[in-house]
Full PDB file with SEQRES, HELIX, SHEET, SSBOND, CRYST1, ORIGX, SCALE, CONECT and MASTER records, all heavy atoms in Angstrom:
SEQRES   1 A   43  TRP THR GLY ASN THR THR ILE TYR SER ASP SER VAL LYS          
SEQRES   2 A   43  GLY ARG PHE THR ILE SER ARG ASP ASN ALA LYS ASN THR          
SEQRES   3 A   43  VAL TYR LEU GLN MET ASN ARG LEU GLN PRO GLU ASP THR          
SEQRES   4 A   43  ALA VAL TYR TYR                                              
HELIX    1 AA1 PRO A   36  ASP A   38  5                                   3    
SHEET    1 AA1 2 PHE A  16  ASP A  21  0                                        
SHEET    2 AA1 2 THR A  26  MET A  31 -1                                        
CRYST1    1.000    1.000    1.000  90.00  90.00  90.00 P 1           1          
ORIGX1      1.000000  0.000000  0.000000        0.00000                         
ORIGX2      0.000000  1.000000  0.000000        0.00000                         
ORIGX3      0.000000  0.000000  1.000000        0.00000                         
SCALE1      1.000000  0.000000  0.000000        0.00000                         
SCALE2      0.000000  1.000000  0.000000        0.00000                         
SCALE3      0.000000  0.000000  1.000000        0.00000                         
ATOM      1  N   TRP A   1       7.990 -42.635  22.363  1.00  0.00           N  
ATOM      2  CA  TRP A   1       7.680 -43.520  23.492  1.00  0.00           C  
ATOM      3  C   TRP A   1       7.318 -44.962  23.251  1.00  0.00           C  
ATOM      4  O   TRP A   1       7.577 -45.759  24.003  1.00  0.00           O  
ATOM      5  CB  TRP A   1       6.457 -42.842  24.281  1.00  0.00           C  
ATOM      6  CG  TRP A   1       5.174 -42.890  23.592  1.00  0.00           C  
ATOM      7  CD1 TRP A   1       4.639 -42.095  22.591  1.00  0.00           C  
ATOM      8  CD2 TRP A   1       4.127 -43.872  23.811  1.00  0.00           C  
ATOM      9  NE1 TRP A   1       3.414 -42.447  22.180  1.00  0.00           N  
ATOM     10  CE2 TRP A   1       3.052 -43.559  22.923  1.00  0.00           C  
ATOM     11  CE3 TRP A   1       3.990 -45.013  24.635  1.00  0.00           C  
ATOM     12  CZ2 TRP A   1       1.844 -44.281  22.799  1.00  0.00           C  
ATOM     13  CZ3 TRP A   1       2.840 -45.749  24.560  1.00  0.00           C  
ATOM     14  CH2 TRP A   1       1.834 -45.389  23.686  1.00  0.00           C  
ATOM     15  N   THR A   2       6.861 -45.173  22.008  1.00  0.00           N  
ATOM     16  CA  THR A   2       6.597 -46.524  21.642  1.00  0.00           C  
ATOM     17  C   THR A   2       7.877 -47.375  21.322  1.00  0.00           C  
ATOM     18  O   THR A   2       7.834 -48.612  21.229  1.00  0.00           O  
ATOM     19  CB  THR A   2       5.797 -46.585  20.324  1.00  0.00           C  
ATOM     20  OG1 THR A   2       6.408 -45.776  19.307  1.00  0.00           O  
ATOM     21  CG2 THR A   2       4.304 -45.979  20.652  1.00  0.00           C  
ATOM     22  N   GLY A   3       8.981 -46.582  21.130  1.00  0.00           N  
ATOM     23  CA  GLY A   3      10.243 -47.328  20.887  1.00  0.00           C  
ATOM     24  C   GLY A   3      10.541 -47.658  19.428  1.00  0.00           C  
ATOM     25  O   GLY A   3      11.551 -48.259  19.123  1.00  0.00           O  
ATOM     26  N   ASN A   4       9.548 -47.363  18.528  1.00  0.00           N  
ATOM     27  CA  ASN A   4       9.638 -47.822  17.160  1.00  0.00           C  
ATOM     28  C   ASN A   4      10.069 -46.704  16.232  1.00  0.00           C  
ATOM     29  O   ASN A   4      10.088 -46.938  14.933  1.00  0.00           O  
ATOM     30  CB  ASN A   4       8.335 -48.401  16.718  1.00  0.00           C  
ATOM     31  CG  ASN A   4       7.188 -47.445  16.683  1.00  0.00           C  
ATOM     32  OD1 ASN A   4       7.306 -46.297  17.125  1.00  0.00           O  
ATOM     33  ND2 ASN A   4       6.023 -47.913  16.266  1.00  0.00           N  
ATOM     34  N   THR A   5      10.352 -45.507  16.679  1.00  0.00           N  
ATOM     35  CA  THR A   5      10.780 -44.441  15.866  1.00  0.00           C  
ATOM     36  C   THR A   5      11.839 -43.622  16.484  1.00  0.00           C  
ATOM     37  O   THR A   5      11.817 -43.370  17.664  1.00  0.00           O  
ATOM     38  CB  THR A   5       9.569 -43.496  15.537  1.00  0.00           C  
ATOM     39  OG1 THR A   5       8.488 -44.309  14.990  1.00  0.00           O  
ATOM     40  CG2 THR A   5       9.946 -42.370  14.641  1.00  0.00           C  
ATOM     41  N   THR A   6      12.908 -43.281  15.676  1.00  0.00           N  
ATOM     42  CA  THR A   6      13.937 -42.368  16.209  1.00  0.00           C  
ATOM     43  C   THR A   6      14.187 -41.363  15.084  1.00  0.00           C  
ATOM     44  O   THR A   6      13.927 -41.526  13.925  1.00  0.00           O  
ATOM     45  CB  THR A   6      15.250 -43.124  16.412  1.00  0.00           C  
ATOM     46  OG1 THR A   6      15.620 -43.754  15.234  1.00  0.00           O  
ATOM     47  CG2 THR A   6      15.109 -44.136  17.482  1.00  0.00           C  
ATOM     48  N   ILE A   7      14.655 -40.204  15.558  1.00  0.00           N  
ATOM     49  CA  ILE A   7      15.085 -39.107  14.681  1.00  0.00           C  
ATOM     50  C   ILE A   7      16.500 -38.675  15.039  1.00  0.00           C  
ATOM     51  O   ILE A   7      16.962 -38.809  16.207  1.00  0.00           O  
ATOM     52  CB  ILE A   7      14.138 -37.878  14.735  1.00  0.00           C  
ATOM     53  CG1 ILE A   7      14.086 -37.223  16.109  1.00  0.00           C  
ATOM     54  CG2 ILE A   7      12.767 -38.242  14.260  1.00  0.00           C  
ATOM     55  CD1 ILE A   7      13.505 -35.871  16.159  1.00  0.00           C  
ATOM     56  N   TYR A   8      17.204 -38.131  14.100  1.00  0.00           N  
ATOM     57  CA  TYR A   8      18.595 -37.604  14.265  1.00  0.00           C  
ATOM     58  C   TYR A   8      18.762 -36.336  13.520  1.00  0.00           C  
ATOM     59  O   TYR A   8      18.191 -36.110  12.421  1.00  0.00           O  
ATOM     60  CB  TYR A   8      19.615 -38.664  13.810  1.00  0.00           C  
ATOM     61  CG  TYR A   8      19.624 -39.921  14.528  1.00  0.00           C  
ATOM     62  CD1 TYR A   8      18.852 -41.043  14.127  1.00  0.00           C  
ATOM     63  CD2 TYR A   8      20.361 -40.087  15.738  1.00  0.00           C  
ATOM     64  CE1 TYR A   8      18.868 -42.233  14.776  1.00  0.00           C  
ATOM     65  CE2 TYR A   8      20.358 -41.285  16.429  1.00  0.00           C  
ATOM     66  CZ  TYR A   8      19.608 -42.310  16.000  1.00  0.00           C  
ATOM     67  OH  TYR A   8      19.631 -43.466  16.662  1.00  0.00           O  
ATOM     68  N   SER A   9      19.591 -35.431  14.100  1.00  0.00           N  
ATOM     69  CA  SER A   9      19.950 -34.305  13.335  1.00  0.00           C  
ATOM     70  C   SER A   9      20.862 -34.716  12.171  1.00  0.00           C  
ATOM     71  O   SER A   9      21.540 -35.737  12.216  1.00  0.00           O  
ATOM     72  CB  SER A   9      20.647 -33.328  14.165  1.00  0.00           C  
ATOM     73  OG  SER A   9      21.909 -33.777  14.623  1.00  0.00           O  
ATOM     74  N   ASP A  10      20.845 -33.932  11.113  1.00  0.00           N  
ATOM     75  CA  ASP A  10      21.675 -34.319   9.971  1.00  0.00           C  
ATOM     76  C   ASP A  10      23.157 -34.390  10.331  1.00  0.00           C  
ATOM     77  O   ASP A  10      23.974 -35.239   9.759  1.00  0.00           O  
ATOM     78  CB  ASP A  10      21.505 -33.321   8.808  1.00  0.00           C  
ATOM     79  CG  ASP A  10      20.137 -33.485   8.116  1.00  0.00           C  
ATOM     80  OD1 ASP A  10      19.445 -34.491   8.362  1.00  0.00           O  
ATOM     81  OD2 ASP A  10      19.737 -32.495   7.439  1.00  0.00           O  
ATOM     82  N   SER A  11      23.585 -33.573  11.268  1.00  0.00           N  
ATOM     83  CA  SER A  11      25.035 -33.565  11.651  1.00  0.00           C  
ATOM     84  C   SER A  11      25.468 -34.777  12.351  1.00  0.00           C  
ATOM     85  O   SER A  11      26.731 -35.020  12.365  1.00  0.00           O  
ATOM     86  CB  SER A  11      25.270 -32.286  12.421  1.00  0.00           C  
ATOM     87  OG  SER A  11      24.545 -32.319  13.706  1.00  0.00           O  
ATOM     88  N   VAL A  12      24.564 -35.560  12.957  1.00  0.00           N  
ATOM     89  CA  VAL A  12      25.056 -36.769  13.670  1.00  0.00           C  
ATOM     90  C   VAL A  12      24.552 -38.027  13.073  1.00  0.00           C  
ATOM     91  O   VAL A  12      24.926 -39.100  13.509  1.00  0.00           O  
ATOM     92  CB  VAL A  12      24.531 -36.666  15.171  1.00  0.00           C  
ATOM     93  CG1 VAL A  12      24.983 -35.310  15.800  1.00  0.00           C  
ATOM     94  CG2 VAL A  12      23.147 -36.927  15.289  1.00  0.00           C  
ATOM     95  N   LYS A  13      23.706 -37.959  12.034  1.00  0.00           N  
ATOM     96  CA  LYS A  13      23.129 -39.147  11.456  1.00  0.00           C  
ATOM     97  C   LYS A  13      24.297 -40.052  10.952  1.00  0.00           C  
ATOM     98  O   LYS A  13      25.193 -39.602  10.279  1.00  0.00           O  
ATOM     99  CB  LYS A  13      22.166 -38.749  10.310  1.00  0.00           C  
ATOM    100  CG  LYS A  13      21.214 -39.802   9.895  1.00  0.00           C  
ATOM    101  CD  LYS A  13      20.223 -39.166   8.975  1.00  0.00           C  
ATOM    102  CE  LYS A  13      19.348 -38.095   9.540  1.00  0.00           C  
ATOM    103  NZ  LYS A  13      18.330 -37.627   8.636  1.00  0.00           N  
ATOM    104  N   GLY A  14      24.175 -41.381  11.282  1.00  0.00           N  
ATOM    105  CA  GLY A  14      25.185 -42.289  10.885  1.00  0.00           C  
ATOM    106  C   GLY A  14      26.332 -42.434  11.892  1.00  0.00           C  
ATOM    107  O   GLY A  14      27.152 -43.302  11.760  1.00  0.00           O  
ATOM    108  N   ARG A  15      26.472 -41.513  12.773  1.00  0.00           N  
ATOM    109  CA  ARG A  15      27.547 -41.517  13.856  1.00  0.00           C  
ATOM    110  C   ARG A  15      27.003 -41.796  15.222  1.00  0.00           C  
ATOM    111  O   ARG A  15      27.691 -42.413  16.088  1.00  0.00           O  
ATOM    112  CB  ARG A  15      28.307 -40.221  13.812  1.00  0.00           C  
ATOM    113  CG  ARG A  15      29.003 -39.949  12.512  1.00  0.00           C  
ATOM    114  CD  ARG A  15      29.881 -38.707  12.637  1.00  0.00           C  
ATOM    115  NE  ARG A  15      29.166 -37.503  12.959  1.00  0.00           N  
ATOM    116  CZ  ARG A  15      29.495 -36.703  14.039  1.00  0.00           C  
ATOM    117  NH1 ARG A  15      30.470 -37.113  14.861  1.00  0.00           N  
ATOM    118  NH2 ARG A  15      28.794 -35.646  14.306  1.00  0.00           N  
ATOM    119  N   PHE A  16      25.800 -41.215  15.517  1.00  0.00           N  
ATOM    120  CA  PHE A  16      25.225 -41.282  16.804  1.00  0.00           C  
ATOM    121  C   PHE A  16      24.093 -42.254  16.854  1.00  0.00           C  
ATOM    122  O   PHE A  16      23.323 -42.306  15.870  1.00  0.00           O  
ATOM    123  CB  PHE A  16      24.719 -39.994  17.384  1.00  0.00           C  
ATOM    124  CG  PHE A  16      25.786 -38.982  17.681  1.00  0.00           C  
ATOM    125  CD1 PHE A  16      27.148 -39.093  17.302  1.00  0.00           C  
ATOM    126  CD2 PHE A  16      25.490 -37.811  18.333  1.00  0.00           C  
ATOM    127  CE1 PHE A  16      28.117 -38.175  17.606  1.00  0.00           C  
ATOM    128  CE2 PHE A  16      26.438 -36.849  18.662  1.00  0.00           C  
ATOM    129  CZ  PHE A  16      27.786 -37.093  18.293  1.00  0.00           C  
ATOM    130  N   THR A  17      23.830 -42.939  17.966  1.00  0.00           N  
ATOM    131  CA  THR A  17      22.641 -43.853  18.078  1.00  0.00           C  
ATOM    132  C   THR A  17      22.033 -43.625  19.448  1.00  0.00           C  
ATOM    133  O   THR A  17      22.648 -43.700  20.466  1.00  0.00           O  
ATOM    134  CB  THR A  17      23.079 -45.324  17.978  1.00  0.00           C  
ATOM    135  OG1 THR A  17      23.773 -45.517  16.726  1.00  0.00           O  
ATOM    136  CG2 THR A  17      21.879 -46.246  18.069  1.00  0.00           C  
ATOM    137  N   ILE A  18      20.699 -43.379  19.374  1.00  0.00           N  
ATOM    138  CA  ILE A  18      19.895 -43.206  20.684  1.00  0.00           C  
ATOM    139  C   ILE A  18      19.202 -44.547  20.909  1.00  0.00           C  
ATOM    140  O   ILE A  18      18.737 -45.240  20.022  1.00  0.00           O  
ATOM    141  CB  ILE A  18      18.918 -42.058  20.542  1.00  0.00           C  
ATOM    142  CG1 ILE A  18      18.258 -41.809  21.924  1.00  0.00           C  
ATOM    143  CG2 ILE A  18      17.837 -42.304  19.438  1.00  0.00           C  
ATOM    144  CD1 ILE A  18      17.391 -40.578  21.942  1.00  0.00           C  
ATOM    145  N   SER A  19      19.207 -44.870  22.197  1.00  0.00           N  
ATOM    146  CA  SER A  19      18.521 -46.115  22.592  1.00  0.00           C  
ATOM    147  C   SER A  19      17.834 -45.954  23.969  1.00  0.00           C  
ATOM    148  O   SER A  19      18.260 -45.041  24.670  1.00  0.00           O  
ATOM    149  CB  SER A  19      19.450 -47.370  22.536  1.00  0.00           C  
ATOM    150  OG  SER A  19      20.472 -47.165  23.471  1.00  0.00           O  
ATOM    151  N   ARG A  20      16.947 -46.860  24.200  1.00  0.00           N  
ATOM    152  CA  ARG A  20      16.285 -46.782  25.548  1.00  0.00           C  
ATOM    153  C   ARG A  20      16.201 -48.132  26.156  1.00  0.00           C  
ATOM    154  O   ARG A  20      15.895 -49.113  25.463  1.00  0.00           O  
ATOM    155  CB  ARG A  20      14.939 -46.066  25.440  1.00  0.00           C  
ATOM    156  CG  ARG A  20      13.981 -46.718  24.548  1.00  0.00           C  
ATOM    157  CD  ARG A  20      12.799 -45.880  24.215  1.00  0.00           C  
ATOM    158  NE  ARG A  20      12.032 -45.418  25.334  1.00  0.00           N  
ATOM    159  CZ  ARG A  20      11.272 -44.341  25.375  1.00  0.00           C  
ATOM    160  NH1 ARG A  20      11.221 -43.530  24.365  1.00  0.00           N  
ATOM    161  NH2 ARG A  20      10.619 -44.045  26.527  1.00  0.00           N  
ATOM    162  N   ASP A  21      16.331 -48.229  27.477  1.00  0.00           N  
ATOM    163  CA  ASP A  21      16.140 -49.428  28.171  1.00  0.00           C  
ATOM    164  C   ASP A  21      15.012 -49.197  29.224  1.00  0.00           C  
ATOM    165  O   ASP A  21      15.332 -48.647  30.322  1.00  0.00           O  
ATOM    166  CB  ASP A  21      17.436 -49.917  28.864  1.00  0.00           C  
ATOM    167  CG  ASP A  21      17.345 -51.282  29.532  1.00  0.00           C  
ATOM    168  OD1 ASP A  21      16.144 -51.632  29.879  1.00  0.00           O  
ATOM    169  OD2 ASP A  21      18.383 -51.977  29.647  1.00  0.00           O  
ATOM    170  N   ASN A  22      13.870 -49.496  28.861  1.00  0.00           N  
ATOM    171  CA  ASN A  22      12.690 -49.144  29.757  1.00  0.00           C  
ATOM    172  C   ASN A  22      12.807 -49.849  31.085  1.00  0.00           C  
ATOM    173  O   ASN A  22      12.410 -49.269  32.163  1.00  0.00           O  
ATOM    174  CB  ASN A  22      11.420 -49.454  29.102  1.00  0.00           C  
ATOM    175  CG  ASN A  22      11.098 -48.467  27.989  1.00  0.00           C  
ATOM    176  OD1 ASN A  22      11.591 -47.385  27.895  1.00  0.00           O  
ATOM    177  ND2 ASN A  22      10.204 -48.904  27.043  1.00  0.00           N  
ATOM    178  N   ALA A  23      13.386 -51.086  31.056  1.00  0.00           N  
ATOM    179  CA  ALA A  23      13.464 -51.800  32.344  1.00  0.00           C  
ATOM    180  C   ALA A  23      14.476 -51.049  33.274  1.00  0.00           C  
ATOM    181  O   ALA A  23      14.221 -51.200  34.478  1.00  0.00           O  
ATOM    182  CB  ALA A  23      13.974 -53.215  32.031  1.00  0.00           C  
ATOM    183  N   LYS A  24      15.486 -50.482  32.783  1.00  0.00           N  
ATOM    184  CA  LYS A  24      16.462 -49.759  33.575  1.00  0.00           C  
ATOM    185  C   LYS A  24      16.096 -48.292  33.749  1.00  0.00           C  
ATOM    186  O   LYS A  24      16.786 -47.490  34.422  1.00  0.00           O  
ATOM    187  CB  LYS A  24      17.819 -49.865  33.030  1.00  0.00           C  
ATOM    188  CG  LYS A  24      18.349 -51.318  33.025  1.00  0.00           C  
ATOM    189  CD  LYS A  24      19.780 -51.320  32.505  1.00  0.00           C  
ATOM    190  CE  LYS A  24      20.288 -52.773  32.664  1.00  0.00           C  
ATOM    191  NZ  LYS A  24      21.735 -52.881  32.135  1.00  0.00           N  
ATOM    192  N   ASN A  25      14.996 -47.885  33.061  1.00  0.00           N  
ATOM    193  CA  ASN A  25      14.590 -46.485  33.056  1.00  0.00           C  
ATOM    194  C   ASN A  25      15.711 -45.556  32.657  1.00  0.00           C  
ATOM    195  O   ASN A  25      15.924 -44.533  33.261  1.00  0.00           O  
ATOM    196  CB  ASN A  25      14.021 -46.087  34.477  1.00  0.00           C  
ATOM    197  CG  ASN A  25      12.727 -45.289  34.344  1.00  0.00           C  
ATOM    198  OD1 ASN A  25      11.939 -45.438  33.495  1.00  0.00           O  
ATOM    199  ND2 ASN A  25      12.525 -44.419  35.305  1.00  0.00           N  
ATOM    200  N   THR A  26      16.411 -45.919  31.628  1.00  0.00           N  
ATOM    201  CA  THR A  26      17.548 -45.248  31.186  1.00  0.00           C  
ATOM    202  C   THR A  26      17.546 -45.043  29.722  1.00  0.00           C  
ATOM    203  O   THR A  26      17.212 -45.925  28.933  1.00  0.00           O  
ATOM    204  CB  THR A  26      18.854 -46.002  31.632  1.00  0.00           C  
ATOM    205  OG1 THR A  26      18.882 -46.092  33.076  1.00  0.00           O  
ATOM    206  CG2 THR A  26      20.093 -45.229  31.224  1.00  0.00           C  
ATOM    207  N   VAL A  27      18.113 -43.929  29.192  1.00  0.00           N  
ATOM    208  CA  VAL A  27      18.257 -43.631  27.822  1.00  0.00           C  
ATOM    209  C   VAL A  27      19.756 -43.440  27.557  1.00  0.00           C  
ATOM    210  O   VAL A  27      20.522 -42.917  28.386  1.00  0.00           O  
ATOM    211  CB  VAL A  27      17.506 -42.352  27.421  1.00  0.00           C  
ATOM    212  CG1 VAL A  27      17.744 -42.005  25.906  1.00  0.00           C  
ATOM    213  CG2 VAL A  27      16.028 -42.521  27.699  1.00  0.00           C  
ATOM    214  N   TYR A  28      20.158 -43.842  26.350  1.00  0.00           N  
ATOM    215  CA  TYR A  28      21.645 -43.773  26.064  1.00  0.00           C  
ATOM    216  C   TYR A  28      21.824 -42.960  24.768  1.00  0.00           C  
ATOM    217  O   TYR A  28      20.901 -43.000  23.876  1.00  0.00           O  
ATOM    218  CB  TYR A  28      22.188 -45.175  25.833  1.00  0.00           C  
ATOM    219  CG  TYR A  28      22.037 -46.110  27.060  1.00  0.00           C  
ATOM    220  CD1 TYR A  28      20.996 -46.963  27.120  1.00  0.00           C  
ATOM    221  CD2 TYR A  28      22.886 -46.008  28.119  1.00  0.00           C  
ATOM    222  CE1 TYR A  28      20.793 -47.837  28.241  1.00  0.00           C  
ATOM    223  CE2 TYR A  28      22.736 -46.836  29.248  1.00  0.00           C  
ATOM    224  CZ  TYR A  28      21.718 -47.696  29.311  1.00  0.00           C  
ATOM    225  OH  TYR A  28      21.585 -48.508  30.426  1.00  0.00           O  
ATOM    226  N   LEU A  29      23.011 -42.436  24.579  1.00  0.00           N  
ATOM    227  CA  LEU A  29      23.424 -41.841  23.332  1.00  0.00           C  
ATOM    228  C   LEU A  29      24.811 -42.345  23.015  1.00  0.00           C  
ATOM    229  O   LEU A  29      25.725 -41.917  23.724  1.00  0.00           O  
ATOM    230  CB  LEU A  29      23.363 -40.285  23.350  1.00  0.00           C  
ATOM    231  CG  LEU A  29      23.711 -39.658  22.040  1.00  0.00           C  
ATOM    232  CD1 LEU A  29      22.552 -39.899  21.009  1.00  0.00           C  
ATOM    233  CD2 LEU A  29      23.871 -38.136  22.194  1.00  0.00           C  
ATOM    234  N   GLN A  30      24.933 -43.231  22.138  1.00  0.00           N  
ATOM    235  CA  GLN A  30      26.209 -43.736  21.651  1.00  0.00           C  
ATOM    236  C   GLN A  30      26.798 -42.755  20.602  1.00  0.00           C  
ATOM    237  O   GLN A  30      26.148 -42.638  19.573  1.00  0.00           O  
ATOM    238  CB  GLN A  30      26.074 -45.154  21.118  1.00  0.00           C  
ATOM    239  CG  GLN A  30      27.419 -45.748  20.614  1.00  0.00           C  
ATOM    240  CD  GLN A  30      28.467 -45.927  21.678  1.00  0.00           C  
ATOM    241  OE1 GLN A  30      28.108 -46.437  22.760  1.00  0.00           O  
ATOM    242  NE2 GLN A  30      29.697 -45.519  21.411  1.00  0.00           N  
ATOM    243  N   MET A  31      27.960 -42.248  20.908  1.00  0.00           N  
ATOM    244  CA  MET A  31      28.488 -41.313  19.882  1.00  0.00           C  
ATOM    245  C   MET A  31      29.833 -41.792  19.392  1.00  0.00           C  
ATOM    246  O   MET A  31      30.777 -41.990  20.125  1.00  0.00           O  
ATOM    247  CB  MET A  31      28.732 -39.907  20.640  1.00  0.00           C  
ATOM    248  CG  MET A  31      27.482 -39.395  21.347  1.00  0.00           C  
ATOM    249  SD  MET A  31      27.691 -37.729  22.051  1.00  0.00           S  
ATOM    250  CE  MET A  31      28.901 -38.097  23.294  1.00  0.00           C  
ATOM    251  N   ASN A  32      29.855 -42.022  18.113  1.00  0.00           N  
ATOM    252  CA  ASN A  32      31.048 -42.571  17.436  1.00  0.00           C  
ATOM    253  C   ASN A  32      31.626 -41.519  16.475  1.00  0.00           C  
ATOM    254  O   ASN A  32      30.944 -40.574  16.063  1.00  0.00           O  
ATOM    255  CB  ASN A  32      30.689 -43.898  16.627  1.00  0.00           C  
ATOM    256  CG  ASN A  32      30.267 -44.927  17.565  1.00  0.00           C  
ATOM    257  OD1 ASN A  32      30.658 -45.002  18.755  1.00  0.00           O  
ATOM    258  ND2 ASN A  32      29.456 -45.760  17.060  1.00  0.00           N  
ATOM    259  N   ARG A  33      32.884 -41.718  16.121  1.00  0.00           N  
ATOM    260  CA  ARG A  33      33.500 -40.784  15.187  1.00  0.00           C  
ATOM    261  C   ARG A  33      33.358 -39.303  15.546  1.00  0.00           C  
ATOM    262  O   ARG A  33      32.918 -38.510  14.676  1.00  0.00           O  
ATOM    263  CB  ARG A  33      33.076 -41.105  13.687  1.00  0.00           C  
ATOM    264  CG  ARG A  33      33.264 -42.510  13.298  1.00  0.00           C  
ATOM    265  CD  ARG A  33      33.244 -42.661  11.794  1.00  0.00           C  
ATOM    266  NE  ARG A  33      32.086 -42.076  11.070  1.00  0.00           N  
ATOM    267  CZ  ARG A  33      30.924 -42.729  10.954  1.00  0.00           C  
ATOM    268  NH1 ARG A  33      30.687 -43.938  11.542  1.00  0.00           N  
ATOM    269  NH2 ARG A  33      29.913 -42.100  10.341  1.00  0.00           N  
ATOM    270  N   LEU A  34      33.566 -39.059  16.804  1.00  0.00           N  
ATOM    271  CA  LEU A  34      33.330 -37.708  17.330  1.00  0.00           C  
ATOM    272  C   LEU A  34      34.330 -36.675  16.658  1.00  0.00           C  
ATOM    273  O   LEU A  34      35.468 -37.048  16.298  1.00  0.00           O  
ATOM    274  CB  LEU A  34      33.551 -37.672  18.822  1.00  0.00           C  
ATOM    275  CG  LEU A  34      32.380 -38.250  19.622  1.00  0.00           C  
ATOM    276  CD1 LEU A  34      32.759 -38.672  21.008  1.00  0.00           C  
ATOM    277  CD2 LEU A  34      31.175 -37.253  19.628  1.00  0.00           C  
ATOM    278  N   GLN A  35      33.777 -35.523  16.428  1.00  0.00           N  
ATOM    279  CA  GLN A  35      34.503 -34.433  15.800  1.00  0.00           C  
ATOM    280  C   GLN A  35      34.533 -33.155  16.731  1.00  0.00           C  
ATOM    281  O   GLN A  35      33.655 -33.089  17.588  1.00  0.00           O  
ATOM    282  CB  GLN A  35      33.898 -34.067  14.465  1.00  0.00           C  
ATOM    283  CG  GLN A  35      33.878 -35.196  13.502  1.00  0.00           C  
ATOM    284  CD  GLN A  35      35.257 -35.720  13.182  1.00  0.00           C  
ATOM    285  OE1 GLN A  35      36.231 -34.896  12.995  1.00  0.00           O  
ATOM    286  NE2 GLN A  35      35.499 -37.068  13.100  1.00  0.00           N  
ATOM    287  N   PRO A  36      35.474 -32.269  16.615  1.00  0.00           N  
ATOM    288  CA  PRO A  36      35.483 -31.073  17.405  1.00  0.00           C  
ATOM    289  C   PRO A  36      34.238 -30.334  17.421  1.00  0.00           C  
ATOM    290  O   PRO A  36      33.823 -29.725  18.496  1.00  0.00           O  
ATOM    291  CB  PRO A  36      36.601 -30.309  16.846  1.00  0.00           C  
ATOM    292  CG  PRO A  36      37.611 -31.316  16.275  1.00  0.00           C  
ATOM    293  CD  PRO A  36      36.659 -32.387  15.707  1.00  0.00           C  
ATOM    294  N   GLU A  37      33.466 -30.320  16.357  1.00  0.00           N  
ATOM    295  CA  GLU A  37      32.240 -29.616  16.253  1.00  0.00           C  
ATOM    296  C   GLU A  37      31.072 -30.253  17.104  1.00  0.00           C  
ATOM    297  O   GLU A  37      30.002 -29.682  17.246  1.00  0.00           O  
ATOM    298  CB  GLU A  37      31.747 -29.444  14.843  1.00  0.00           C  
ATOM    299  CG  GLU A  37      31.720 -30.711  14.008  1.00  0.00           C  
ATOM    300  CD  GLU A  37      33.024 -30.917  13.269  1.00  0.00           C  
ATOM    301  OE1 GLU A  37      34.119 -30.572  13.697  1.00  0.00           O  
ATOM    302  OE2 GLU A  37      32.954 -31.440  12.145  1.00  0.00           O  
ATOM    303  N   ASP A  38      31.373 -31.451  17.665  1.00  0.00           N  
ATOM    304  CA  ASP A  38      30.360 -32.100  18.537  1.00  0.00           C  
ATOM    305  C   ASP A  38      30.579 -31.598  19.983  1.00  0.00           C  
ATOM    306  O   ASP A  38      29.783 -32.003  20.872  1.00  0.00           O  
ATOM    307  CB  ASP A  38      30.603 -33.639  18.533  1.00  0.00           C  
ATOM    308  CG  ASP A  38      30.253 -34.209  17.135  1.00  0.00           C  
ATOM    309  OD1 ASP A  38      29.225 -33.818  16.558  1.00  0.00           O  
ATOM    310  OD2 ASP A  38      31.048 -35.177  16.719  1.00  0.00           O  
ATOM    311  N   THR A  39      31.609 -30.824  20.240  1.00  0.00           N  
ATOM    312  CA  THR A  39      31.824 -30.277  21.559  1.00  0.00           C  
ATOM    313  C   THR A  39      30.628 -29.413  21.978  1.00  0.00           C  
ATOM    314  O   THR A  39      30.198 -28.424  21.285  1.00  0.00           O  
ATOM    315  CB  THR A  39      33.032 -29.377  21.598  1.00  0.00           C  
ATOM    316  OG1 THR A  39      34.242 -30.293  21.300  1.00  0.00           O  
ATOM    317  CG2 THR A  39      33.224 -28.668  22.938  1.00  0.00           C  
ATOM    318  N   ALA A  40      30.065 -29.781  23.146  1.00  0.00           N  
ATOM    319  CA  ALA A  40      28.863 -29.037  23.595  1.00  0.00           C  
ATOM    320  C   ALA A  40      28.439 -29.626  24.932  1.00  0.00           C  
ATOM    321  O   ALA A  40      29.037 -30.679  25.407  1.00  0.00           O  
ATOM    322  CB  ALA A  40      27.733 -29.297  22.626  1.00  0.00           C  
ATOM    323  N   VAL A  41      27.548 -29.033  25.638  1.00  0.00           N  
ATOM    324  CA  VAL A  41      26.817 -29.611  26.748  1.00  0.00           C  
ATOM    325  C   VAL A  41      25.645 -30.369  26.157  1.00  0.00           C  
ATOM    326  O   VAL A  41      24.915 -29.823  25.436  1.00  0.00           O  
ATOM    327  CB  VAL A  41      26.376 -28.512  27.762  1.00  0.00           C  
ATOM    328  CG1 VAL A  41      25.579 -29.119  28.869  1.00  0.00           C  
ATOM    329  CG2 VAL A  41      27.578 -27.740  28.299  1.00  0.00           C  
ATOM    330  N   TYR A  42      25.552 -31.620  26.642  1.00  0.00           N  
ATOM    331  CA  TYR A  42      24.493 -32.505  26.176  1.00  0.00           C  
ATOM    332  C   TYR A  42      23.411 -32.684  27.238  1.00  0.00           C  
ATOM    333  O   TYR A  42      23.725 -32.960  28.413  1.00  0.00           O  
ATOM    334  CB  TYR A  42      25.021 -33.822  25.723  1.00  0.00           C  
ATOM    335  CG  TYR A  42      25.795 -33.815  24.405  1.00  0.00           C  
ATOM    336  CD1 TYR A  42      27.014 -33.138  24.268  1.00  0.00           C  
ATOM    337  CD2 TYR A  42      25.240 -34.439  23.229  1.00  0.00           C  
ATOM    338  CE1 TYR A  42      27.670 -33.107  23.073  1.00  0.00           C  
ATOM    339  CE2 TYR A  42      25.879 -34.350  22.075  1.00  0.00           C  
ATOM    340  CZ  TYR A  42      27.105 -33.682  21.958  1.00  0.00           C  
ATOM    341  OH  TYR A  42      27.808 -33.625  20.712  1.00  0.00           O  
ATOM    342  N   TYR A  43      22.132 -32.435  26.826  1.00  0.00           N  
ATOM    343  CA  TYR A  43      21.037 -32.479  27.781  1.00  0.00           C  
ATOM    344  C   TYR A  43      20.133 -33.616  27.404  1.00  0.00           C  
ATOM    345  O   TYR A  43      19.755 -33.785  26.273  1.00  0.00           O  
ATOM    346  CB  TYR A  43      20.227 -31.169  27.733  1.00  0.00           C  
ATOM    347  CG  TYR A  43      21.006 -29.975  28.186  1.00  0.00           C  
ATOM    348  CD1 TYR A  43      21.662 -29.224  27.204  1.00  0.00           C  
ATOM    349  CD2 TYR A  43      21.079 -29.592  29.472  1.00  0.00           C  
ATOM    350  CE1 TYR A  43      22.438 -28.069  27.540  1.00  0.00           C  
ATOM    351  CE2 TYR A  43      21.711 -28.422  29.931  1.00  0.00           C  
ATOM    352  CZ  TYR A  43      22.463 -27.680  28.946  1.00  0.00           C  
ATOM    353  OH  TYR A  43      23.130 -26.544  29.335  1.00  0.00           O  
TER     354      TYR A  43                                                      
MASTER        0    0    0    1    2    0    0    6  353    1    0    4          
END                                                                             
């Protein structure tokens, strides 16, 4: 909530980036170098 700490699963580390824009009340997940094993429903 402070915005100064993030965690990632080992399987996405280095490929995915989580960010938040508190002014827009929105959270993002940038997913790069996607692989078939990333196929899923994302919540």
